[in-house]
Amino acid sequence: MRIADDNDVHAADAEFVFVMSPRRNPLLASATGPKPAADCIALDALADRARALDALDQRLRSLLPAAVARETRLADVRDGRIVFLASDPTWASRIRLHQATLLAEARTALGGTVERFAVKVAPLPAVPPEPAKPKPLSAATARHLRAAAKALPDPELQALYLQLASIATDDSD
């Protein structure tokens, strides 16, 4: 007797062929699609949670040596457990050395609700670069904006152009 799957080219030679059914993910099987927006967490609550996690992350990582702090991030606080991400297993081991200190500080910050500590190895989220400073408007640009404003029939739009022209670096003309 031979058991084959759908891709077995030799299945025709077999006396009995059992076609294997594709594996189903039980988590996806019960899902009926995306949740309605009304059933999801409110955006302001989500932003508040993100700000709180970021503040706690900064507070906890300030206790770590600079190299460890650079290679780790607080990922979550839930059900009495804080979870850190480390960029590789070496940094995961190093942050575990500071587990007691981090748990004590997390208990202080969160009111004693944290009892467990976990570290997962995963690529750290990229830190967004500092936004580029806007370049100031030149005097020539200001002249063009003023000329365009004079040609506009709409007084509101004309006022906006003149306001924009007023922030030029050298507004001598």
N, C-alpha and C. Protein backbone atom coordinates (compact mmCIF):
# COMPACT_ATOMS: atom_id res chain seq x y z
N MET A 1 0.84 -1.16 0.00
CA MET A 1 0.00 0.00 0.00
C MET A 1 0.89 1.23 0.00
N ARG A 2 0.42 2.25 -0.65
CA ARG A 2 1.22 3.44 -0.80
C ARG A 2 0.35 4.68 -0.56
N ILE A 3 0.85 5.62 0.16
CA ILE A 3 0.13 6.86 0.42
C ILE A 3 0.81 7.96 -0.38
N ALA A 4 0.04 8.71 -1.14
CA ALA A 4 0.62 9.75 -1.98
C ALA A 4 -0.17 11.03 -1.84
N ASP A 5 0.45 12.08 -2.24
CA ASP A 5 -0.27 13.34 -2.26
C ASP A 5 -0.64 13.69 -3.70
N ASP A 6 -1.26 14.83 -3.91
CA ASP A 6 -1.71 15.22 -5.24
C ASP A 6 -0.58 15.40 -6.24
N ASN A 7 0.61 15.66 -5.78
CA ASN A 7 1.73 15.93 -6.67
C ASN A 7 2.59 14.71 -6.94
N ASP A 8 2.19 13.56 -6.46
CA ASP A 8 2.99 12.34 -6.63
C ASP A 8 2.79 11.80 -8.04
N VAL A 9 3.83 11.86 -8.87
CA VAL A 9 3.73 11.40 -10.26
C VAL A 9 3.67 9.89 -10.36
N HIS A 10 4.02 9.17 -9.31
CA HIS A 10 4.02 7.71 -9.34
C HIS A 10 2.75 7.13 -8.73
N ALA A 11 1.80 7.96 -8.43
CA ALA A 11 0.59 7.50 -7.76
C ALA A 11 -0.21 6.53 -8.62
N ALA A 12 -0.09 6.61 -9.93
CA ALA A 12 -0.86 5.72 -10.81
C ALA A 12 -0.42 4.27 -10.64
N ASP A 13 0.80 4.02 -10.23
CA ASP A 13 1.32 2.67 -10.05
C ASP A 13 0.83 2.05 -8.75
N ALA A 14 0.30 2.85 -7.87
CA ALA A 14 -0.07 2.35 -6.56
C ALA A 14 -1.42 1.66 -6.61
N GLU A 15 -1.55 0.65 -5.76
CA GLU A 15 -2.82 -0.06 -5.69
C GLU A 15 -3.85 0.79 -4.97
N PHE A 16 -3.43 1.45 -3.89
CA PHE A 16 -4.30 2.36 -3.14
C PHE A 16 -3.63 3.72 -3.08
N VAL A 17 -4.37 4.73 -3.40
CA VAL A 17 -3.83 6.08 -3.33
C VAL A 17 -4.77 6.91 -2.46
N PHE A 18 -4.23 7.46 -1.39
CA PHE A 18 -5.00 8.34 -0.52
C PHE A 18 -4.53 9.77 -0.79
N VAL A 19 -5.42 10.58 -1.24
CA VAL A 19 -5.06 11.95 -1.52
C VAL A 19 -5.08 12.71 -0.20
N MET A 20 -3.98 13.36 0.10
CA MET A 20 -3.85 14.09 1.35
C MET A 20 -4.57 15.43 1.20
N SER A 21 -5.35 15.77 2.18
CA SER A 21 -6.03 17.06 2.12
C SER A 21 -5.06 18.15 2.55
N PRO A 22 -5.23 19.35 2.02
CA PRO A 22 -4.31 20.43 2.42
C PRO A 22 -4.51 20.78 3.88
N ARG A 23 -3.42 21.16 4.52
CA ARG A 23 -3.50 21.56 5.93
C ARG A 23 -4.25 22.88 6.04
N ARG A 24 -5.04 22.97 7.06
CA ARG A 24 -5.78 24.20 7.31
C ARG A 24 -5.32 24.81 8.61
N ASN A 25 -5.16 26.08 8.60
CA ASN A 25 -4.79 26.80 9.80
C ASN A 25 -6.06 27.01 10.63
N PRO A 26 -6.14 26.42 11.84
CA PRO A 26 -7.37 26.55 12.63
C PRO A 26 -7.67 27.99 13.02
N LEU A 27 -6.65 28.83 13.10
CA LEU A 27 -6.90 30.24 13.44
C LEU A 27 -7.57 30.96 12.28
N LEU A 28 -7.20 30.59 11.06
CA LEU A 28 -7.80 31.23 9.89
C LEU A 28 -9.15 30.63 9.54
N ALA A 29 -9.37 29.39 9.90
CA ALA A 29 -10.63 28.73 9.55
C ALA A 29 -11.82 29.40 10.21
N SER A 30 -11.65 29.91 11.43
CA SER A 30 -12.78 30.52 12.13
C SER A 30 -12.96 31.98 11.76
N ALA A 31 -11.99 32.56 11.09
CA ALA A 31 -12.08 33.97 10.75
C ALA A 31 -13.06 34.16 9.60
N THR A 32 -13.89 35.16 9.73
CA THR A 32 -14.87 35.42 8.68
C THR A 32 -14.49 36.64 7.86
N GLY A 33 -13.34 37.18 8.09
CA GLY A 33 -12.91 38.35 7.35
C GLY A 33 -12.52 39.47 8.30
N PRO A 34 -12.26 40.62 7.74
CA PRO A 34 -11.85 41.76 8.57
C PRO A 34 -12.97 42.17 9.53
N LYS A 35 -12.56 42.64 10.69
CA LYS A 35 -13.53 43.14 11.67
C LYS A 35 -14.07 44.48 11.22
N PRO A 36 -15.30 44.76 11.56
CA PRO A 36 -15.80 46.12 11.30
C PRO A 36 -15.03 47.11 12.15
N ALA A 37 -14.88 48.32 11.66
CA ALA A 37 -14.12 49.35 12.36
C ALA A 37 -14.68 49.61 13.75
N ALA A 38 -15.99 49.47 13.91
CA ALA A 38 -16.62 49.73 15.20
C ALA A 38 -16.20 48.70 16.25
N ASP A 39 -15.78 47.50 15.82
CA ASP A 39 -15.37 46.45 16.75
C ASP A 39 -13.89 46.55 17.13
N CYS A 40 -13.15 47.41 16.47
CA CYS A 40 -11.72 47.54 16.72
C CYS A 40 -11.48 48.57 17.82
N ILE A 41 -10.27 48.56 18.35
CA ILE A 41 -9.89 49.52 19.38
C ILE A 41 -9.92 50.93 18.77
N ALA A 42 -10.36 51.88 19.55
CA ALA A 42 -10.42 53.26 19.08
C ALA A 42 -9.02 53.77 18.78
N LEU A 43 -8.90 54.59 17.77
CA LEU A 43 -7.60 55.08 17.34
C LEU A 43 -6.92 55.89 18.44
N ASP A 44 -7.67 56.70 19.17
CA ASP A 44 -7.04 57.49 20.23
C ASP A 44 -6.55 56.60 21.37
N ALA A 45 -7.27 55.51 21.66
CA ALA A 45 -6.82 54.56 22.69
C ALA A 45 -5.55 53.84 22.22
N LEU A 46 -5.51 53.51 20.94
CA LEU A 46 -4.33 52.85 20.39
C LEU A 46 -3.12 53.79 20.44
N ALA A 47 -3.32 55.05 20.10
CA ALA A 47 -2.23 56.03 20.16
C ALA A 47 -1.77 56.24 21.60
N ASP A 48 -2.71 56.28 22.55
CA ASP A 48 -2.34 56.43 23.96
C ASP A 48 -1.51 55.24 24.43
N ARG A 49 -1.90 54.02 24.02
CA ARG A 49 -1.14 52.82 24.41
C ARG A 49 0.26 52.86 23.81
N ALA A 50 0.35 53.28 22.55
CA ALA A 50 1.67 53.36 21.90
C ALA A 50 2.56 54.38 22.62
N ARG A 51 1.99 55.53 22.99
CA ARG A 51 2.78 56.53 23.72
C ARG A 51 3.23 56.01 25.08
N ALA A 52 2.33 55.29 25.78
CA ALA A 52 2.68 54.75 27.09
C ALA A 52 3.78 53.69 26.97
N LEU A 53 3.67 52.82 25.97
CA LEU A 53 4.71 51.80 25.76
C LEU A 53 6.04 52.45 25.39
N ASP A 54 6.00 53.50 24.58
CA ASP A 54 7.23 54.19 24.20
C ASP A 54 7.88 54.83 25.42
N ALA A 55 7.07 55.47 26.28
CA ALA A 55 7.63 56.09 27.48
C ALA A 55 8.24 55.04 28.41
N LEU A 56 7.54 53.90 28.56
CA LEU A 56 8.07 52.82 29.41
C LEU A 56 9.34 52.24 28.79
N ASP A 57 9.35 52.08 27.48
CA ASP A 57 10.54 51.57 26.78
C ASP A 57 11.74 52.47 27.07
N GLN A 58 11.57 53.77 26.94
CA GLN A 58 12.68 54.70 27.20
C GLN A 58 13.12 54.63 28.66
N ARG A 59 12.14 54.53 29.56
CA ARG A 59 12.46 54.46 31.00
C ARG A 59 13.26 53.20 31.32
N LEU A 60 12.82 52.06 30.78
CA LEU A 60 13.50 50.79 31.08
C LEU A 60 14.87 50.71 30.41
N ARG A 61 14.95 51.13 29.15
CA ARG A 61 16.23 51.04 28.45
C ARG A 61 17.25 52.02 28.99
N SER A 62 16.81 53.06 29.70
CA SER A 62 17.78 53.99 30.31
C SER A 62 18.57 53.31 31.43
N LEU A 63 18.07 52.19 31.93
CA LEU A 63 18.76 51.44 32.98
C LEU A 63 19.81 50.48 32.42
N LEU A 64 19.79 50.28 31.11
CA LEU A 64 20.68 49.30 30.48
C LEU A 64 21.96 49.95 29.99
N PRO A 65 23.03 49.17 29.85
CA PRO A 65 24.22 49.69 29.19
C PRO A 65 23.86 50.14 27.77
N ALA A 66 24.56 51.13 27.26
CA ALA A 66 24.22 51.74 25.97
C ALA A 66 24.14 50.71 24.84
N ALA A 67 25.08 49.78 24.79
CA ALA A 67 25.09 48.79 23.71
C ALA A 67 23.86 47.89 23.77
N VAL A 68 23.46 47.48 24.97
CA VAL A 68 22.28 46.62 25.13
C VAL A 68 21.02 47.42 24.79
N ALA A 69 20.96 48.65 25.24
CA ALA A 69 19.79 49.49 24.97
C ALA A 69 19.62 49.73 23.47
N ARG A 70 20.72 49.83 22.75
CA ARG A 70 20.67 50.06 21.30
C ARG A 70 20.11 48.86 20.55
N GLU A 71 20.34 47.67 21.07
CA GLU A 71 19.98 46.43 20.37
C GLU A 71 18.71 45.77 20.88
N THR A 72 17.99 46.43 21.77
CA THR A 72 16.76 45.86 22.34
C THR A 72 15.66 46.92 22.36
N ARG A 73 14.43 46.46 22.39
CA ARG A 73 13.26 47.35 22.49
C ARG A 73 12.18 46.65 23.30
N LEU A 74 11.41 47.43 24.03
CA LEU A 74 10.23 46.90 24.70
C LEU A 74 9.18 46.65 23.64
N ALA A 75 8.63 45.45 23.61
CA ALA A 75 7.64 45.11 22.60
C ALA A 75 6.22 45.18 23.14
N ASP A 76 6.02 44.70 24.38
CA ASP A 76 4.64 44.64 24.89
C ASP A 76 4.65 44.47 26.39
N VAL A 77 3.55 44.88 26.99
CA VAL A 77 3.27 44.62 28.39
C VAL A 77 1.84 44.10 28.42
N ARG A 78 1.67 42.86 28.84
CA ARG A 78 0.33 42.28 28.85
C ARG A 78 0.29 41.10 29.81
N ASP A 79 -0.81 40.99 30.52
CA ASP A 79 -1.05 39.85 31.42
C ASP A 79 0.10 39.62 32.40
N GLY A 80 0.62 40.70 32.96
CA GLY A 80 1.67 40.57 33.95
C GLY A 80 3.04 40.21 33.40
N ARG A 81 3.25 40.43 32.11
CA ARG A 81 4.52 40.06 31.48
C ARG A 81 5.02 41.20 30.61
N ILE A 82 6.31 41.50 30.74
CA ILE A 82 6.92 42.44 29.80
C ILE A 82 7.72 41.62 28.79
N VAL A 83 7.64 42.05 27.53
CA VAL A 83 8.32 41.35 26.45
C VAL A 83 9.26 42.32 25.76
N PHE A 84 10.51 41.93 25.67
CA PHE A 84 11.51 42.71 24.95
C PHE A 84 11.86 42.01 23.65
N LEU A 85 12.22 42.79 22.65
CA LEU A 85 12.78 42.25 21.41
C LEU A 85 14.28 42.49 21.45
N ALA A 86 15.03 41.52 20.98
CA ALA A 86 16.48 41.66 20.85
C ALA A 86 16.84 41.36 19.41
N SER A 87 17.85 42.06 18.90
CA SER A 87 18.20 41.91 17.49
C SER A 87 18.84 40.57 17.16
N ASP A 88 19.45 39.92 18.14
CA ASP A 88 19.99 38.57 17.92
C ASP A 88 20.14 37.87 19.28
N PRO A 89 20.44 36.57 19.28
CA PRO A 89 20.49 35.82 20.53
C PRO A 89 21.52 36.34 21.54
N THR A 90 22.60 36.92 21.06
CA THR A 90 23.60 37.47 21.98
C THR A 90 23.01 38.58 22.82
N TRP A 91 22.29 39.50 22.16
CA TRP A 91 21.69 40.62 22.89
C TRP A 91 20.54 40.13 23.77
N ALA A 92 19.86 39.08 23.36
CA ALA A 92 18.80 38.50 24.20
C ALA A 92 19.40 37.98 25.50
N SER A 93 20.55 37.32 25.40
CA SER A 93 21.22 36.82 26.61
C SER A 93 21.68 37.97 27.50
N ARG A 94 22.17 39.01 26.88
CA ARG A 94 22.68 40.14 27.67
C ARG A 94 21.56 40.88 28.38
N ILE A 95 20.40 41.02 27.75
CA ILE A 95 19.32 41.73 28.43
C ILE A 95 18.74 40.87 29.56
N ARG A 96 18.82 39.56 29.41
CA ARG A 96 18.34 38.68 30.50
C ARG A 96 19.16 38.88 31.77
N LEU A 97 20.40 39.31 31.62
CA LEU A 97 21.23 39.58 32.80
C LEU A 97 20.68 40.76 33.62
N HIS A 98 19.87 41.60 32.98
CA HIS A 98 19.30 42.78 33.64
C HIS A 98 17.82 42.59 33.97
N GLN A 99 17.37 41.36 33.91
CA GLN A 99 15.96 41.03 34.12
C GLN A 99 15.42 41.54 35.45
N ALA A 100 16.13 41.31 36.53
CA ALA A 100 15.65 41.71 37.86
C ALA A 100 15.48 43.23 37.95
N THR A 101 16.44 43.96 37.42
CA THR A 101 16.37 45.42 37.44
C THR A 101 15.18 45.92 36.61
N LEU A 102 15.02 45.34 35.42
CA LEU A 102 13.93 45.76 34.53
C LEU A 102 12.56 45.43 35.13
N LEU A 103 12.44 44.25 35.73
CA LEU A 103 11.17 43.88 36.37
C LEU A 103 10.84 44.81 37.53
N ALA A 104 11.85 45.13 38.34
CA ALA A 104 11.62 46.03 39.48
C ALA A 104 11.17 47.40 39.00
N GLU A 105 11.81 47.93 37.97
CA GLU A 105 11.43 49.25 37.45
C GLU A 105 10.05 49.21 36.79
N ALA A 106 9.75 48.13 36.08
CA ALA A 106 8.43 48.00 35.46
C ALA A 106 7.34 47.92 36.53
N ARG A 107 7.62 47.21 37.63
CA ARG A 107 6.65 47.15 38.73
C ARG A 107 6.42 48.54 39.33
N THR A 108 7.50 49.30 39.47
CA THR A 108 7.37 50.67 39.99
C THR A 108 6.55 51.53 39.03
N ALA A 109 6.83 51.42 37.76
CA ALA A 109 6.14 52.24 36.76
C ALA A 109 4.68 51.85 36.58
N LEU A 110 4.39 50.55 36.68
CA LEU A 110 3.04 50.07 36.38
C LEU A 110 2.24 49.67 37.61
N GLY A 111 2.78 49.91 38.78
CA GLY A 111 2.03 49.60 39.99
C GLY A 111 2.09 48.15 40.43
N GLY A 112 3.18 47.48 40.20
CA GLY A 112 3.38 46.13 40.72
C GLY A 112 2.65 45.02 40.00
N THR A 113 2.17 45.27 38.78
CA THR A 113 1.40 44.24 38.07
C THR A 113 2.26 43.33 37.21
N VAL A 114 3.54 43.59 37.11
CA VAL A 114 4.42 42.81 36.23
C VAL A 114 5.15 41.75 37.04
N GLU A 115 5.00 40.50 36.63
CA GLU A 115 5.62 39.37 37.34
C GLU A 115 6.59 38.56 36.48
N ARG A 116 6.43 38.63 35.14
CA ARG A 116 7.25 37.79 34.26
C ARG A 116 7.99 38.64 33.23
N PHE A 117 9.06 38.07 32.71
CA PHE A 117 9.94 38.75 31.76
C PHE A 117 10.20 37.80 30.61
N ALA A 118 10.10 38.30 29.39
CA ALA A 118 10.38 37.47 28.22
C ALA A 118 11.19 38.27 27.21
N VAL A 119 12.01 37.56 26.46
CA VAL A 119 12.79 38.18 25.38
C VAL A 119 12.58 37.35 24.13
N LYS A 120 12.29 38.02 23.04
CA LYS A 120 12.15 37.36 21.75
C LYS A 120 13.20 37.93 20.81
N VAL A 121 13.76 37.07 19.99
CA VAL A 121 14.75 37.51 19.01
C VAL A 121 14.01 37.80 17.72
N ALA A 122 14.12 39.03 17.28
CA ALA A 122 13.46 39.47 16.05
C ALA A 122 14.14 40.74 15.58
N PRO A 123 14.04 41.02 14.30
CA PRO A 123 14.62 42.29 13.83
C PRO A 123 13.92 43.45 14.53
N LEU A 124 14.70 44.41 14.96
CA LEU A 124 14.13 45.55 15.64
C LEU A 124 13.46 46.47 14.63
N PRO A 125 12.38 47.11 15.05
CA PRO A 125 11.76 48.07 14.15
C PRO A 125 12.73 49.20 13.83
N ALA A 126 12.70 49.65 12.61
CA ALA A 126 13.59 50.73 12.21
C ALA A 126 13.21 52.02 12.92
N VAL A 127 14.21 52.73 13.35
CA VAL A 127 13.99 54.03 13.96
C VAL A 127 13.90 55.05 12.84
N PRO A 128 12.79 55.79 12.77
CA PRO A 128 12.67 56.74 11.66
C PRO A 128 13.74 57.82 11.74
N PRO A 129 14.27 58.23 10.61
CA PRO A 129 15.30 59.27 10.63
C PRO A 129 14.69 60.61 11.05
N GLU A 130 15.55 61.47 11.52
CA GLU A 130 15.10 62.82 11.88
C GLU A 130 14.55 63.48 10.63
N PRO A 131 13.43 64.16 10.75
CA PRO A 131 12.90 64.83 9.55
C PRO A 131 13.86 65.92 9.07
N ALA A 132 13.95 66.03 7.77
CA ALA A 132 14.84 67.04 7.20
C ALA A 132 14.28 68.43 7.51
N LYS A 133 15.18 69.34 7.82
CA LYS A 133 14.74 70.70 8.10
C LYS A 133 14.26 71.32 6.79
N PRO A 134 13.12 72.00 6.84
CA PRO A 134 12.62 72.60 5.60
C PRO A 134 13.56 73.70 5.11
N LYS A 135 13.72 73.75 3.83
CA LYS A 135 14.57 74.79 3.26
C LYS A 135 13.78 76.09 3.25
N PRO A 136 14.43 77.18 3.63
CA PRO A 136 13.72 78.46 3.63
C PRO A 136 13.45 78.92 2.20
N LEU A 137 12.42 79.73 2.06
CA LEU A 137 12.10 80.28 0.75
C LEU A 137 13.11 81.37 0.39
N SER A 138 13.50 81.40 -0.85
CA SER A 138 14.45 82.42 -1.29
C SER A 138 13.69 83.71 -1.61
N ALA A 139 14.43 84.79 -1.74
CA ALA A 139 13.84 86.09 -2.09
C ALA A 139 13.19 86.03 -3.46
N ALA A 140 13.80 85.28 -4.38
CA ALA A 140 13.23 85.15 -5.73
C ALA A 140 11.88 84.44 -5.66
N THR A 141 11.79 83.40 -4.84
CA THR A 141 10.52 82.69 -4.67
C THR A 141 9.46 83.63 -4.10
N ALA A 142 9.85 84.43 -3.14
CA ALA A 142 8.92 85.39 -2.54
C ALA A 142 8.41 86.37 -3.59
N ARG A 143 9.29 86.85 -4.48
CA ARG A 143 8.87 87.76 -5.55
C ARG A 143 7.85 87.09 -6.46
N HIS A 144 8.11 85.84 -6.83
CA HIS A 144 7.18 85.10 -7.71
C HIS A 144 5.83 84.89 -7.02
N LEU A 145 5.86 84.58 -5.73
CA LEU A 145 4.60 84.39 -5.01
C LEU A 145 3.79 85.69 -4.95
N ARG A 146 4.47 86.82 -4.73
CA ARG A 146 3.78 88.12 -4.69
C ARG A 146 3.19 88.45 -6.05
N ALA A 147 3.94 88.17 -7.11
CA ALA A 147 3.45 88.44 -8.46
C ALA A 147 2.23 87.56 -8.78
N ALA A 148 2.30 86.30 -8.37
CA ALA A 148 1.17 85.40 -8.60
C ALA A 148 -0.04 85.84 -7.79
N ALA A 149 0.19 86.33 -6.57
CA ALA A 149 -0.91 86.78 -5.72
C ALA A 149 -1.64 87.94 -6.35
N LYS A 150 -0.90 88.87 -6.99
CA LYS A 150 -1.53 90.03 -7.63
C LYS A 150 -2.43 89.60 -8.79
N ALA A 151 -2.08 88.49 -9.44
CA ALA A 151 -2.84 88.03 -10.59
C ALA A 151 -4.06 87.20 -10.21
N LEU A 152 -4.19 86.83 -8.93
CA LEU A 152 -5.30 85.98 -8.51
C LEU A 152 -6.54 86.79 -8.21
N PRO A 153 -7.71 86.35 -8.71
CA PRO A 153 -8.94 87.08 -8.42
C PRO A 153 -9.51 86.76 -7.03
N ASP A 154 -9.17 85.59 -6.48
CA ASP A 154 -9.71 85.16 -5.18
C ASP A 154 -8.93 85.82 -4.05
N PRO A 155 -9.58 86.65 -3.20
CA PRO A 155 -8.85 87.35 -2.14
C PRO A 155 -8.27 86.41 -1.07
N GLU A 156 -8.94 85.30 -0.79
CA GLU A 156 -8.41 84.36 0.22
C GLU A 156 -7.14 83.70 -0.29
N LEU A 157 -7.17 83.26 -1.53
CA LEU A 157 -5.99 82.62 -2.10
C LEU A 157 -4.85 83.64 -2.23
N GLN A 158 -5.20 84.87 -2.59
CA GLN A 158 -4.21 85.93 -2.69
C GLN A 158 -3.54 86.17 -1.33
N ALA A 159 -4.33 86.15 -0.24
CA ALA A 159 -3.79 86.34 1.10
C ALA A 159 -2.86 85.19 1.48
N LEU A 160 -3.21 83.96 1.09
CA LEU A 160 -2.35 82.81 1.39
C LEU A 160 -1.01 82.91 0.67
N TYR A 161 -1.05 83.32 -0.60
CA TYR A 161 0.20 83.49 -1.35
C TYR A 161 1.08 84.56 -0.70
N LEU A 162 0.47 85.66 -0.30
CA LEU A 162 1.24 86.74 0.33
C LEU A 162 1.79 86.31 1.69
N GLN A 163 1.01 85.52 2.42
CA GLN A 163 1.49 85.01 3.71
C GLN A 163 2.68 84.09 3.50
N LEU A 164 2.61 83.23 2.49
CA LEU A 164 3.72 82.33 2.18
C LEU A 164 4.94 83.13 1.75
N ALA A 165 4.74 84.18 0.97
CA ALA A 165 5.86 85.02 0.52
C ALA A 165 6.52 85.73 1.69
N SER A 166 5.77 85.99 2.75
CA SER A 166 6.32 86.72 3.89
C SER A 166 7.31 85.91 4.73
N ILE A 167 7.37 84.61 4.54
CA ILE A 167 8.30 83.79 5.34
C ILE A 167 9.63 83.55 4.63
N ALA A 168 9.87 84.25 3.53
CA ALA A 168 11.14 84.09 2.80
C ALA A 168 12.28 84.57 3.68
N THR A 169 13.49 84.03 3.44
CA THR A 169 14.65 84.36 4.27
C THR A 169 15.09 85.81 4.10
N ASP A 170 15.13 86.28 2.89
CA ASP A 170 15.54 87.67 2.66
C ASP A 170 14.37 88.38 2.01
N ASP A 171 13.54 88.97 2.80
CA ASP A 171 12.31 89.60 2.32
C ASP A 171 12.52 91.10 2.17
N SER A 172 13.63 91.49 1.56
CA SER A 172 13.98 92.91 1.49
C SER A 172 13.27 93.63 0.37
N ASP A 173 12.67 92.91 -0.60
CA ASP A 173 12.02 93.62 -1.69
C ASP A 173 10.54 93.61 -1.61
